[in-house]
Protein backbone atom coordinates (compact mmCIF):
# COMPACT_ATOMS: atom_id res chain seq x y z
CA UNK A 1 107.40 98.49 88.06
CA UNK A 2 104.89 96.10 89.57
CA UNK A 3 105.75 93.47 86.97
CA UNK A 4 109.26 93.20 88.43
CA UNK A 5 109.21 94.39 92.04
CA UNK A 6 112.81 93.31 92.60
CA UNK A 7 114.32 95.55 89.92
CA UNK A 8 117.60 97.21 90.82
CA UNK A 9 118.08 100.98 90.80
CA UNK A 10 119.99 100.71 87.52
CA UNK A 11 117.17 98.70 85.93
CA UNK A 12 114.60 101.19 87.19
CA UNK A 13 116.61 104.10 85.83
CA UNK A 14 116.94 102.40 82.43
CA UNK A 15 113.25 101.51 82.23
CA UNK A 16 112.22 105.06 83.03
CA UNK A 17 114.73 106.44 80.52
CA UNK A 18 116.33 108.70 83.10
CA UNK A 19 119.80 110.19 82.79
CA UNK A 20 120.61 110.57 86.49
CA UNK A 21 123.12 109.00 88.85
CA UNK A 22 122.04 106.06 90.96
CA UNK A 23 122.66 108.16 94.06
CA UNK A 24 120.30 110.86 92.84
CA UNK A 25 117.64 108.28 92.05
CA UNK A 26 118.07 106.67 95.46
CA UNK A 27 117.75 110.03 97.28
CA UNK A 28 114.69 110.95 95.23
CA UNK A 29 112.96 107.65 96.00
CA UNK A 30 113.82 108.12 99.67
CA UNK A 31 112.29 111.63 99.67
CA UNK A 32 109.18 110.14 98.05
CA UNK A 33 109.13 107.61 100.91
CA UNK A 34 109.43 104.69 98.50
CA UNK A 35 111.27 101.73 99.97
CA UNK A 36 113.75 99.61 98.06
CA UNK A 37 113.74 96.74 100.54
CA UNK A 38 113.31 93.46 98.74
CA UNK A 39 111.85 91.42 101.54
CA UNK A 40 112.11 90.88 105.25
CA UNK A 41 112.16 87.12 104.68
CA UNK A 42 114.37 85.40 102.13
CA UNK A 43 112.45 82.95 99.94
CA UNK A 44 115.35 80.51 100.22
CA UNK A 45 114.40 79.90 103.85
CA UNK A 46 111.40 77.91 102.59
CA UNK A 47 113.54 75.45 100.63
CA UNK A 48 113.66 72.05 102.38
CA UNK A 49 117.47 71.79 102.17
CA UNK A 50 117.99 75.28 103.61
CA UNK A 51 115.40 74.68 106.33
CA UNK A 52 117.08 71.38 107.31
CA UNK A 53 120.53 72.99 107.36
CA UNK A 54 119.23 75.83 109.55
CA UNK A 55 117.67 73.35 111.99
CA UNK A 56 120.98 71.41 112.20
CA UNK A 57 122.83 74.66 112.82
CA UNK A 58 120.41 75.74 115.55
CA UNK A 59 120.68 72.31 117.21
CA UNK A 60 124.48 72.60 117.14
CA UNK A 61 124.23 75.94 118.96
CA UNK A 62 122.69 74.09 121.89
CA UNK A 63 119.87 76.51 122.51
CA UNK A 64 121.88 79.69 121.97
CA UNK A 65 119.82 82.22 120.04
CA UNK A 66 121.44 82.75 116.59
CA UNK A 67 120.85 86.52 116.81
CA UNK A 68 122.68 86.63 120.14
CA UNK A 69 125.55 84.66 118.63
CA UNK A 70 125.89 87.26 115.87
CA UNK A 71 125.96 90.05 118.45
CA UNK A 72 128.62 88.21 120.47
CA UNK A 73 130.75 87.69 117.37
CA UNK A 74 130.53 91.38 116.46
CA UNK A 75 131.42 92.47 119.99
CA UNK A 76 134.76 90.67 120.07
CA UNK A 77 137.80 92.74 119.14
CA UNK A 78 139.67 91.62 116.06
CA UNK A 79 143.04 89.99 116.66
CA UNK A 80 146.01 92.14 115.72
């Protein structure tokens, strides 16, 4: 499937003509040590508008690391 490396499990199953569940296909690929990760870096991050918005957001954080902010947000208990 090199011509379309971002094919979904369902597309892969259809292309191969398999009659298996998506879960079975996923487990089989995992056993074969084949990764389904699309990318570690979203292509959208290269777009000028997205890059500018990210820089504005980081400036608004006042030097706080965005990853730390996410961890802080997850650590807070939800209001009841």
